[in-house]
Every structure is written in C-alpha cells, then in structure tokens.
Protein backbone atom coordinates (compact mmCIF):
# COMPACT_ATOMS: atom_id res chain seq x y z
CA MET A 1 147.21 -73.17 254.31
CA PHE A 2 148.25 -70.41 256.68
CA LYS A 3 147.64 -70.70 260.41
CA LYS A 4 147.83 -66.98 261.19
CA ILE A 5 147.40 -63.84 259.06
CA LEU A 6 148.16 -60.25 260.06
CA ILE A 7 145.82 -57.67 258.53
CA ALA A 8 147.68 -54.46 257.74
CA ASN A 9 144.57 -52.29 257.56
CA ARG A 10 141.61 -50.98 259.50
CA GLY A 11 137.84 -50.49 259.37
CA GLU A 12 135.38 -52.53 257.36
CA ILE A 13 137.95 -54.22 255.11
CA ALA A 14 139.91 -55.51 258.12
CA LEU A 15 136.68 -56.87 259.60
CA ARG A 16 135.75 -58.37 256.22
CA ILE A 17 139.07 -60.26 256.06
CA ILE A 18 138.68 -61.45 259.68
CA ARG A 19 135.31 -63.02 258.85
CA THR A 20 136.71 -65.07 255.97
CA CYS A 21 139.74 -66.13 258.01
CA ARG A 22 137.43 -67.39 260.76
CA GLU A 23 135.52 -69.50 258.24
CA MET A 24 138.82 -70.93 256.99
CA GLY A 25 140.10 -71.71 260.50
CA ILE A 26 142.88 -69.11 260.27
CA SER A 27 143.85 -66.99 263.29
CA THR A 28 144.04 -63.23 262.75
CA VAL A 29 146.14 -60.36 264.02
CA ALA A 30 144.74 -56.82 263.89
CA VAL A 31 146.95 -53.75 263.95
CA TYR A 32 145.52 -50.44 265.07
CA SER A 33 146.33 -46.83 265.84
CA THR A 34 145.40 -45.25 269.15
CA ALA A 35 142.44 -43.61 267.36
CA ASP A 36 141.07 -47.07 266.48
CA GLU A 37 141.35 -48.67 269.90
CA ASN A 38 137.57 -49.19 270.00
CA SER A 39 137.13 -50.29 266.39
CA LEU A 40 135.43 -53.62 265.76
CA HIS A 41 138.36 -55.10 263.84
CA VAL A 42 140.37 -54.83 267.06
CA ARG A 43 137.64 -56.55 269.05
CA PHE A 44 137.04 -59.47 266.69
CA ALA A 45 140.60 -60.36 265.71
CA ASP A 46 142.27 -63.11 267.73
CA GLU A 47 145.12 -60.76 268.62
CA ALA A 48 145.62 -57.01 268.28
CA VAL A 49 148.74 -54.86 268.34
CA CYS A 50 148.84 -51.07 268.63
CA ILE A 51 151.27 -49.73 266.03
CA GLY A 52 151.24 -46.00 266.69
CA PRO A 53 149.37 -42.70 267.03
CA PRO A 54 146.44 -41.63 264.82
CA SER A 55 148.34 -40.20 261.85
CA PRO A 56 148.51 -42.82 259.05
CA LYS A 57 152.23 -42.18 258.49
CA ASP A 58 152.87 -43.11 262.11
CA SER A 59 150.61 -46.19 262.13
CA TYR A 60 149.01 -47.80 259.06
CA LEU A 61 151.85 -46.63 256.81
CA ASN A 62 154.53 -47.42 259.40
CA ILE A 63 156.18 -50.48 257.84
CA PRO A 64 158.67 -51.18 260.68
CA ALA A 65 155.84 -51.17 263.25
CA ILE A 66 153.71 -53.52 261.13
CA MET A 67 156.62 -55.91 260.58
CA ALA A 68 157.37 -55.89 264.31
CA ALA A 69 153.71 -56.78 265.01
CA ALA A 70 153.97 -59.70 262.56
CA GLU A 71 157.14 -60.94 264.25
CA ILE A 72 155.92 -60.81 267.84
CA THR A 73 152.62 -62.53 267.00
CA GLY A 74 154.08 -65.25 264.79
CA ALA A 75 152.03 -64.38 261.69
CA GLU A 76 152.85 -66.27 258.48
CA ALA A 77 151.18 -63.97 255.96
CA ILE A 78 150.14 -60.32 255.69
CA HIS A 79 146.94 -59.13 254.00
CA PRO A 80 147.11 -55.41 253.08
CA GLY A 81 143.40 -54.87 252.29
CA TYR A 82 142.90 -51.77 250.11
CA GLY A 83 144.43 -48.31 250.43
CA PHE A 84 147.38 -47.65 252.75
CA LEU A 85 150.18 -50.09 251.78
CA SER A 86 148.15 -52.39 249.52
CA GLU A 87 149.85 -51.21 246.31
CA ASN A 88 153.22 -50.39 247.83
CA ALA A 89 155.86 -52.46 246.06
CA ASN A 90 158.42 -51.74 248.79
CA PHE A 91 156.09 -53.18 251.43
CA SER A 92 155.43 -56.28 249.32
CA GLU A 93 159.16 -56.78 248.91
CA ILE A 94 159.91 -56.27 252.62
CA CYS A 95 157.23 -58.82 253.56
CA THR A 96 158.69 -61.41 251.21
CA ASP A 97 162.29 -60.72 252.18
CA SER A 98 161.33 -61.02 255.86
CA GLY A 99 159.80 -64.46 255.35
CA TYR A 100 156.10 -63.49 255.23
CA VAL A 101 153.69 -64.20 252.40
CA PHE A 102 152.27 -60.96 251.01
CA ILE A 103 148.66 -61.66 250.06
CA GLY A 104 148.83 -59.80 246.80
CA PRO A 105 151.01 -59.55 243.70
CA SER A 106 154.79 -59.36 243.54
CA PRO A 107 156.66 -56.04 243.81
CA GLU A 108 157.41 -56.26 240.08
CA MET A 109 153.72 -56.53 239.19
CA ILE A 110 152.79 -53.66 241.52
CA ASN A 111 155.48 -51.45 239.96
CA GLN A 112 154.51 -52.45 236.45
CA MET A 113 150.84 -51.54 236.94
CA GLY A 114 151.39 -48.68 239.39
CA ASN A 115 153.09 -46.55 236.75
CA LYS A 116 150.21 -45.70 234.43
CA SER A 117 152.26 -45.02 231.31
CA ARG A 118 154.19 -48.28 231.76
CA ALA A 119 150.92 -50.14 232.44
CA LYS A 120 149.43 -48.80 229.23
CA THR A 121 152.44 -49.93 227.22
CA THR A 122 152.32 -53.38 228.83
CA MET A 123 148.60 -53.83 228.19
CA LYS A 124 148.95 -52.68 224.58
CA ALA A 125 151.63 -55.33 224.05
CA ALA A 126 149.20 -57.93 225.45
CA GLY A 127 146.58 -56.96 222.88
CA VAL A 128 144.35 -54.96 225.23
CA PRO A 129 142.70 -51.91 223.57
CA VAL A 130 144.24 -48.64 224.80
CA VAL A 131 143.31 -45.00 224.26
CA PRO A 132 145.48 -43.33 221.58
CA GLY A 133 148.14 -41.17 223.19
CA SER A 134 151.75 -40.88 224.24
CA GLU A 135 154.04 -43.89 224.30
CA GLY A 136 155.18 -43.50 227.88
CA VAL A 137 156.07 -40.30 229.71
CA VAL A 138 155.90 -36.93 227.91
CA HIS A 139 159.20 -35.22 228.61
CA SER A 140 158.52 -31.67 227.40
CA LEU A 141 155.87 -29.23 226.24
CA ASP A 142 157.09 -29.56 222.65
CA ASP A 143 156.74 -33.35 222.80
CA GLY A 144 153.26 -32.88 224.22
CA ARG A 145 152.24 -30.52 221.44
CA ALA A 146 153.42 -33.00 218.82
CA ILE A 147 151.32 -35.75 220.38
CA VAL A 148 148.12 -33.71 220.53
CA GLU A 149 148.59 -32.62 216.93
CA ALA A 150 148.66 -36.30 215.98
CA ILE A 151 145.67 -37.48 218.05
CA GLY A 152 143.61 -34.27 218.14
CA PHE A 153 141.69 -32.47 220.90
CA PRO A 154 140.21 -33.00 223.42
CA VAL A 155 143.01 -34.69 225.37
CA ILE A 156 143.54 -35.61 228.99
CA VAL A 157 146.85 -35.14 230.78
CA LYS A 158 147.45 -37.56 233.67
CA ALA A 159 150.05 -38.02 236.37
CA SER A 160 151.96 -41.20 235.63
CA ALA A 161 152.40 -42.03 239.34
CA GLY A 162 149.05 -40.77 240.56
CA GLY A 163 145.34 -41.32 240.99
CA GLY A 164 142.19 -39.84 242.48
CA GLY A 165 142.10 -37.03 239.92
CA ARG A 166 145.28 -35.31 241.10
CA GLY A 167 147.68 -34.23 238.37
CA MET A 168 144.87 -34.69 235.83
CA ARG A 169 143.61 -32.05 233.38
CA ILE A 170 141.18 -32.15 230.45
CA ILE A 171 142.35 -29.85 227.64
CA LYS A 172 139.92 -29.01 224.86
CA GLU A 173 141.87 -26.58 222.68
CA ALA A 174 145.47 -25.64 221.83
CA SER A 175 145.37 -22.27 223.60
CA GLU A 176 144.90 -24.05 226.97
CA PHE A 177 147.62 -26.64 226.52
CA GLU A 178 150.73 -24.96 227.95
CA ARG A 179 149.00 -23.65 231.10
CA GLN A 180 147.12 -26.87 231.87
CA PHE A 181 150.14 -29.09 231.17
CA SER A 182 152.30 -27.05 233.57
CA THR A 183 149.59 -27.00 236.24
CA ALA A 184 149.17 -30.79 236.06
CA LYS A 185 152.93 -31.32 236.28
CA ASN A 186 153.24 -29.12 239.37
CA GLU A 187 150.25 -30.78 241.04
CA ALA A 188 151.65 -34.27 240.34
CA GLU A 189 155.02 -33.29 241.76
CA ALA A 190 153.41 -31.94 244.92
CA ALA A 191 151.05 -34.90 245.41
CA PHE A 192 153.26 -37.85 244.45
CA GLY A 193 156.84 -36.54 244.38
CA ASN A 194 156.84 -37.39 240.67
CA GLY A 195 155.91 -34.86 237.98
CA ASP A 196 155.88 -37.33 235.07
CA LEU A 197 152.82 -36.97 232.81
CA TYR A 198 151.32 -38.83 229.91
CA ILE A 199 148.70 -37.75 227.38
CA GLU A 200 145.67 -39.57 225.99
CA ARG A 201 142.76 -38.71 223.75
CA TYR A 202 139.90 -37.70 226.02
CA VAL A 203 136.98 -40.11 225.72
CA GLU A 204 133.90 -37.92 226.09
CA ASN A 205 130.91 -39.06 228.14
CA PRO A 206 132.32 -42.53 228.91
CA ARG A 207 131.14 -45.29 231.21
CA HIS A 208 133.61 -46.60 233.79
CA VAL A 209 133.51 -50.40 233.58
CA GLU A 210 135.95 -52.70 235.37
CA ILE A 211 136.62 -56.43 235.29
CA GLN A 212 137.46 -58.43 238.42
CA VAL A 213 140.23 -60.96 237.72
CA LEU A 214 141.80 -63.74 239.76
CA GLY A 215 145.15 -65.30 238.85
CA ASP A 216 147.28 -68.02 240.39
CA LYS A 217 150.96 -69.00 240.46
CA SER A 218 150.45 -71.49 237.62
CA GLY A 219 149.44 -68.79 235.15
CA ASN A 220 145.69 -69.46 235.26
CA VAL A 221 143.43 -66.39 235.15
CA ILE A 222 139.64 -66.14 235.38
CA HIS A 223 137.28 -63.17 235.59
CA LEU A 224 134.12 -62.49 237.59
CA GLY A 225 132.31 -60.31 235.09
CA GLU A 226 132.08 -56.54 235.09
CA ARG A 227 131.22 -53.79 237.53
CA ASP A 228 129.85 -50.42 236.41
CA CYS A 229 131.40 -47.63 238.48
CA SER A 230 130.18 -44.64 236.46
CA ILE A 231 128.35 -42.98 239.37
CA GLN A 232 131.29 -41.04 240.74
CA ARG A 233 132.17 -37.60 241.98
CA ARG A 234 135.45 -36.09 240.80
CA TYR A 235 136.81 -39.53 239.93
CA GLN A 236 135.79 -40.95 243.34
CA LYS A 237 133.26 -43.79 243.11
CA LEU A 238 130.03 -43.49 245.09
CA MET A 239 127.93 -46.35 243.74
CA GLU A 240 128.72 -49.54 241.83
CA GLU A 241 126.70 -52.33 240.23
CA SER A 242 127.04 -55.63 238.43
CA PRO A 243 126.24 -56.44 235.71
CA SER A 244 126.46 -53.09 233.92
CA PRO A 245 123.26 -51.84 232.26
CA ALA A 246 125.45 -50.81 229.30
CA VAL A 247 127.00 -54.26 228.70
CA ASP A 248 125.41 -57.12 226.77
CA ALA A 249 126.65 -60.70 226.52
CA ASP A 250 128.89 -60.06 223.50
CA LEU A 251 130.50 -56.97 225.04
CA ARG A 252 130.96 -58.85 228.34
CA ARG A 253 132.83 -61.57 226.46
CA ARG A 254 135.08 -58.97 224.81
CA PHE A 255 135.73 -57.26 228.13
CA GLY A 256 136.53 -60.57 229.81
CA ASP A 257 138.84 -61.73 227.02
CA ALA A 258 140.76 -58.42 227.14
CA ALA A 259 141.09 -58.51 230.94
CA ILE A 260 142.33 -62.08 230.96
CA ALA A 261 144.83 -61.33 228.18
CA GLY A 262 146.13 -58.36 230.16
CA ALA A 263 146.43 -60.29 233.42
CA LYS A 264 148.10 -63.26 231.72
CA GLY A 265 150.44 -60.88 229.94
CA ILE A 266 152.03 -59.92 233.25
CA GLY A 267 151.62 -63.30 234.97
CA TYR A 268 149.25 -61.77 237.48
CA GLU A 269 148.68 -63.51 240.82
CA GLY A 270 145.83 -62.83 243.23
CA ALA A 271 142.80 -60.57 242.98
CA GLY A 272 143.04 -57.55 240.71
CA THR A 273 140.82 -55.22 238.73
CA ILE A 274 141.36 -54.00 235.20
CA GLU A 275 139.49 -50.76 234.58
CA PHE A 276 138.19 -49.59 231.22
CA LEU A 277 136.48 -46.59 229.65
CA LEU A 278 133.48 -47.56 227.49
CA ASP A 279 132.39 -45.06 224.83
CA SER A 280 128.96 -44.56 223.31
CA ARG A 281 129.85 -46.73 220.28
CA GLY A 282 130.60 -49.79 222.40
CA GLU A 283 134.37 -49.45 222.08
CA PHE A 284 136.41 -49.74 225.27
CA TYR A 285 139.92 -48.76 226.30
CA PHE A 286 142.25 -49.80 229.11
CA MET A 287 142.49 -47.16 231.84
CA GLU A 288 144.44 -48.74 234.72
CA MET A 289 144.87 -51.86 236.82
CA ASN A 290 144.43 -51.99 240.58
CA THR A 291 146.63 -54.71 242.06
CA ARG A 292 144.54 -55.23 245.20
CA ILE A 293 141.04 -56.00 246.36
CA GLN A 294 138.59 -53.18 245.55
CA VAL A 295 136.15 -51.41 247.85
CA GLU A 296 133.35 -52.55 245.53
CA HIS A 297 134.30 -56.24 245.42
CA PRO A 298 131.06 -57.35 247.18
CA VAL A 299 128.91 -56.73 244.09
CA SER A 300 130.98 -59.29 242.16
CA GLU A 301 130.83 -61.68 245.11
CA GLN A 302 127.04 -61.44 245.20
CA VAL A 303 126.38 -62.06 241.50
CA CYS A 304 129.06 -64.76 241.10
CA ASN A 305 128.71 -66.44 244.53
CA VAL A 306 132.46 -66.24 245.14
CA ASP A 307 134.28 -65.10 248.31
CA ILE A 308 137.06 -63.03 246.73
CA VAL A 309 139.02 -62.69 249.98
CA ARG A 310 139.02 -66.49 250.33
CA GLU A 311 140.31 -66.76 246.75
CA GLN A 312 143.08 -64.25 247.53
CA ILE A 313 144.18 -66.32 250.50
CA ARG A 314 143.96 -69.62 248.56
CA VAL A 315 146.09 -68.29 245.71
CA ALA A 316 148.67 -66.80 248.09
CA ALA A 317 148.94 -70.24 249.73
CA GLY A 318 149.73 -71.81 246.33
CA GLU A 319 146.31 -73.17 245.37
CA LYS A 320 144.82 -72.77 241.90
CA VAL A 321 141.92 -70.60 240.82
CA ARG A 322 138.83 -72.33 239.54
CA GLU A 323 138.89 -73.47 235.96
CA THR A 324 136.33 -71.20 234.31
CA SER A 325 135.23 -67.59 234.47
CA TYR A 326 131.82 -66.73 235.88
CA GLU A 327 128.67 -65.38 234.32
CA PRO A 328 126.65 -63.08 236.61
CA GLN A 329 123.52 -64.52 238.18
CA GLY A 330 121.05 -61.79 239.10
CA PHE A 331 121.98 -58.20 239.90
CA ALA A 332 123.82 -56.42 242.71
CA MET A 333 124.44 -52.81 243.67
CA GLU A 334 126.60 -51.14 246.31
CA CYS A 335 126.18 -47.70 247.87
CA ARG A 336 129.15 -46.30 249.77
CA ILE A 337 127.88 -44.71 252.99
CA ASN A 338 130.33 -41.93 253.78
CA ALA A 339 130.33 -39.62 256.80
CA GLU A 340 130.10 -36.56 254.58
CA ASP A 341 127.57 -33.85 253.76
CA PRO A 342 126.85 -34.32 250.03
CA TYR A 343 125.08 -30.96 249.86
CA LYS A 344 128.09 -29.06 251.23
CA ASN A 345 130.67 -30.25 248.74
CA PHE A 346 130.97 -33.60 250.58
CA GLN A 347 132.42 -31.94 253.66
CA PRO A 348 133.68 -34.66 256.06
CA SER A 349 131.55 -35.22 259.16
CA PRO A 350 133.60 -37.01 261.82
CA GLY A 351 132.21 -37.43 265.33
CA ARG A 352 130.13 -39.71 267.53
CA ILE A 353 127.33 -41.80 266.06
CA GLU A 354 124.49 -41.13 268.48
CA SER A 355 122.02 -43.56 266.92
CA TRP A 356 122.58 -46.44 264.49
CA HIS A 357 120.28 -48.97 262.87
CA HIS A 358 121.31 -50.69 259.66
CA PRO A 359 118.89 -52.49 257.34
CA SER A 360 118.66 -56.26 256.94
CA GLY A 361 116.45 -58.84 255.29
CA TYR A 362 116.45 -60.84 252.09
CA GLY A 363 118.97 -59.57 249.53
CA VAL A 364 120.54 -56.98 251.87
CA ARG A 365 124.17 -57.01 253.05
CA VAL A 366 125.94 -54.36 255.15
CA ASP A 367 129.73 -54.31 255.48
CA THR A 368 130.72 -51.92 258.26
CA HIS A 369 132.92 -51.36 261.29
CA ALA A 370 130.65 -48.68 262.78
CA TYR A 371 128.03 -48.93 265.52
CA GLN A 372 126.02 -46.77 267.91
CA GLY A 373 128.46 -44.82 270.09
CA TYR A 374 131.35 -45.29 267.64
CA VAL A 375 133.44 -42.16 267.18
CA ILE A 376 134.41 -41.63 263.55
CA PRO A 377 138.00 -40.36 263.60
CA PRO A 378 138.99 -37.44 261.35
CA TYR A 379 142.27 -39.02 260.24
CA TYR A 380 141.10 -41.59 257.67
CA ASP A 381 138.77 -42.16 254.75
CA SER A 382 135.21 -41.13 255.56
CA MET A 383 133.50 -44.35 254.41
CA ILE A 384 131.72 -45.97 257.35
CA ALA A 385 129.63 -48.63 255.61
CA LYS A 386 128.86 -50.35 252.33
CA LEU A 387 125.24 -51.23 251.63
CA ILE A 388 124.97 -54.05 249.09
CA VAL A 389 121.64 -55.20 247.69
CA THR A 390 120.88 -58.09 245.32
CA GLY A 391 117.88 -59.11 243.28
CA LYS A 392 116.62 -61.02 240.24
CA THR A 393 116.26 -57.85 238.14
CA ARG A 394 117.91 -54.44 238.15
CA GLU A 395 114.57 -52.77 238.87
CA GLU A 396 114.11 -55.01 241.91
CA VAL A 397 117.58 -54.03 243.13
CA LEU A 398 116.89 -50.30 242.73
CA ASP A 399 113.65 -50.56 244.69
CA ARG A 400 115.18 -52.77 247.37
CA MET A 401 118.14 -50.40 247.72
CA TYR A 402 115.80 -47.43 248.18
CA HIS A 403 113.92 -49.16 250.99
CA ALA A 404 117.15 -50.37 252.60
CA LEU A 405 118.52 -46.81 252.55
CA ASP A 406 115.26 -45.58 254.06
CA GLU A 407 115.71 -48.10 256.89
CA PHE A 408 119.35 -47.09 257.46
CA VAL A 409 119.40 -44.74 260.46
CA ILE A 410 122.58 -42.87 261.36
CA GLU A 411 122.28 -39.88 263.69
CA GLY A 412 124.98 -37.61 265.06
CA VAL A 413 126.88 -37.17 261.80
CA LYS A 414 125.98 -36.28 258.23
CA THR A 415 126.05 -39.09 255.67
CA THR A 416 125.55 -39.68 251.95
CA ILE A 417 122.35 -41.67 252.56
CA PRO A 418 119.96 -38.85 251.49
CA LEU A 419 121.80 -38.44 248.18
CA HIS A 420 121.75 -42.18 247.53
CA LYS A 421 117.98 -42.24 248.10
CA GLU A 422 117.56 -39.49 245.52
CA LEU A 423 119.66 -41.43 243.03
CA MET A 424 117.52 -44.54 243.43
CA ARG A 425 114.54 -42.50 242.20
CA ASN A 426 116.42 -40.61 239.47
CA GLU A 427 115.24 -41.37 235.93
CA GLN A 428 118.74 -41.59 234.42
CA VAL A 429 119.91 -43.94 237.14
CA ARG A 430 116.85 -46.13 236.79
CA ASN A 431 117.10 -46.41 233.00
CA GLY A 432 120.88 -46.87 233.12
CA THR A 433 121.76 -44.01 230.75
CA PHE A 434 124.26 -42.23 233.02
CA ASP A 435 127.99 -41.72 232.39
CA THR A 436 130.94 -40.65 234.52
CA HIS A 437 129.86 -36.98 234.36
CA PHE A 438 126.31 -37.62 235.50
CA LEU A 439 126.75 -37.14 239.24
CA ASP A 440 128.79 -33.94 239.06
CA GLY A 441 126.17 -32.47 236.71
CA TYR A 442 123.33 -33.64 238.94
CA LEU A 443 124.89 -32.07 242.04
CA LYS A 444 125.61 -28.82 240.20
CA SER A 445 121.96 -28.56 239.16
CA LYS A 446 120.87 -29.15 242.77
CA LEU A 447 123.04 -26.35 244.09
CA THR A 448 122.15 -23.70 241.48
C-alpha cells in the first residue's frame, strides 16, 4: 500500500480523498493555487504545495508544476479526483513514465473511452446496447444525410471529443440538418480543438441512468447498482439518486450485466461509470463512459456501504475488487449545492460566505470545502457542497432532504438551495415520473 499520495485537485473532492487516506494511514499532499490558499484541503493535508496563480491552466492543469510537487514531497501515487486532469491520457502517461502510480485507468483506456465515437464502437463490440447511428466519425454532410435517411429523424449530432452539451444539436427534420450540423462542427472545433462529429437517433424523453463499476488488474469487475441522474439542466446534473425510481430488479440486472460486459471488454481498472439512456419502453442504450470518480459517487457509497475512494486506492495498489456486485440497501439522494442564482439562468455567485450552517443528524451527509468566511473564487466550478440523504424508503429520503435543505443556511451568496427545496415538493419528482427534460421545462414555466 502507498505511504504518500498527492491529490491533483481542489475543493470537496480533494478533502474527500484526504479523509479516506487518513483512515488508511496514508499521508497526503495537497496542491493549490494562490486563490485556494485558505481552502480546507490545504489545511487538512499533511503537506501542501502552491502550484501557481488562480487560472486553472496555470495551476490545476499545470502538469509540470504538479509533477514537481510530487517529486519534492516524495509522493508515490497521484489521485486526480474529477474534472481538471482526471481524464487526461497525457497526464496519466506522464505520471506512469515518471514512476508514479496514477490512481485511475491507463492512458489507452482513457483515450478509448474519451473519444465518444470510438467508445460506442468498442461497447457495441462488447455486446452493450448502443443507439443506432454512425459507425464512428461522420466525415461530410453527404455522409451525414445518408445516415439520417437510414435511421430516421429526430437525430442528435454530438462532438466526438466533447461533453457538457457543447458541439451537440438535436435535429428534428431534414430542412434543419445542414445548418445544425455545421453549427455543431464549428462549436466543437472552438471548444475542443476537434470538429469531429457523430450522429445518433435521438431518444426522446429519456431517463439518464448510470452504473458505477469497479475493476482490478486481474480482470475482475463488479458494479454498485445504478444512479438516476435525470434531474439536470442543459446536460449538467443537479440532483442524483440511487436506486432509480424507473428501474426494477430485472432491469437492474440487465443494466449491471451490460456495464460489466463493457468494462471487461476494455480490461477496465479502477472506478468508472457507464452512462445509459433509458427510454419509456424499458430499453436502454450506451451513452458514454467516465473513466474517473463521479461527483455523485456518494449516493452509491451510501446504498452499498462501500468507500469508492478506498476501492480506487486499493485497486491502484494491486489489490482485487470484492467478488460480487452489490444490491442497493435503502435509498439515497444527492443535491448539488452550487453558488449560483437558479432564477437568473444559474448566474454564478462568487464571494464571501457571511453565514454558514449545514444540516446534520441521522441519514444526513454533507461533503464540502466551504465554511463561514470562506471566499468562493470565481475561477472554478461553482459547486460548494453536496448534500446527501439516506433513508429506508424514497419518500422518507425526499422528506428528509427537504428538511435538511431547510436547515442549510448560506448567506452572502446565492445558491441552488431554494430550487432544490421546490423540487422536493414537486409532484413529478415525488412520484418519479421525470425525464432529462423535466428541469428545463420546469424552470421555463417558472420564468414565463
């Protein structure tokens, strides 16, 4: 087992990793920008190294500075967390070539799953259901037209190298195709430096359901059940839960079998998430694989009683995953508390937190790096906390989450807490009949 791990990240995920390392008797090294000098991950790590000014490209994306911090502190392994360099194959390769264990998959696996068209082809070969569409990148408008004639409208055009909704267009009829295809290509080129696109049939009114997998170096793979991430705004998740209200035992088995087949098909090592679209008929299709720990991993931890960060570290050190997959016990839900104004198009709200009190009690967990007096910097993601609630029934979780949100006091900045409280009382949320378009429609109705 490692003696010292450097955490190449910031905020709540860095603090989350530090906690597990402490329990495992592993020393930690935090890296930080000058904007994060007073962040809690800096305070609670055993050592901390400043790696640059506030801009991410000069600090948390600055590979030479991170590698220098690892060298001077004598770290043996590097945990990338999520975001930043967590799915950067070049960083994974540099870590390995420099003699450090990268706590994550190999560069080859990251590249294979990072390119969405290649990932789709790989998963299809492993027997995972995929949405009908192009076999790889679409090279021209004429090729694109031929594909949509074969699969029919509506279709969705996606950036092969992208995510977060950029380079993505839904096209419902032939007259829109040329304009939308060209717009998506230009947007992908500007956002990712890669204008490659692929085309799929558009699955209308889907659920977004993902499976947490864990794989080891011996080829063993298990799963930790599903998470429903359908409450999202413009492809950005706002709330997650496990198990999904749309998934029964048989569908869970099918999801799990598909996820394990996909992960085994690439020899996956570490923690990863295979994401699916679930249609109204109970059919599901591979969407993408995230080769890192997810923001929403705590809901799986709570219902399966597994520390996923510990499992990541164990696997990276050469240990095996447990022998069987897990069935969820009880229910869990996570609300992402962002420093944003949800009623002003989620406008970011950086600044000083003048007053802070987070909820506690039975079945309540808060993962955060914020505190009273903390200054939220404007340079990074606006998430300042994750509120996770568990219970014996989904109804109990919804009620407990509402009261926990009501107890959560943050003054000085705007947050998403008021919107989350509304959602806990919303009929569609409570009866579990929402889909990925629910939240955008709900917000539109509020503002008109």
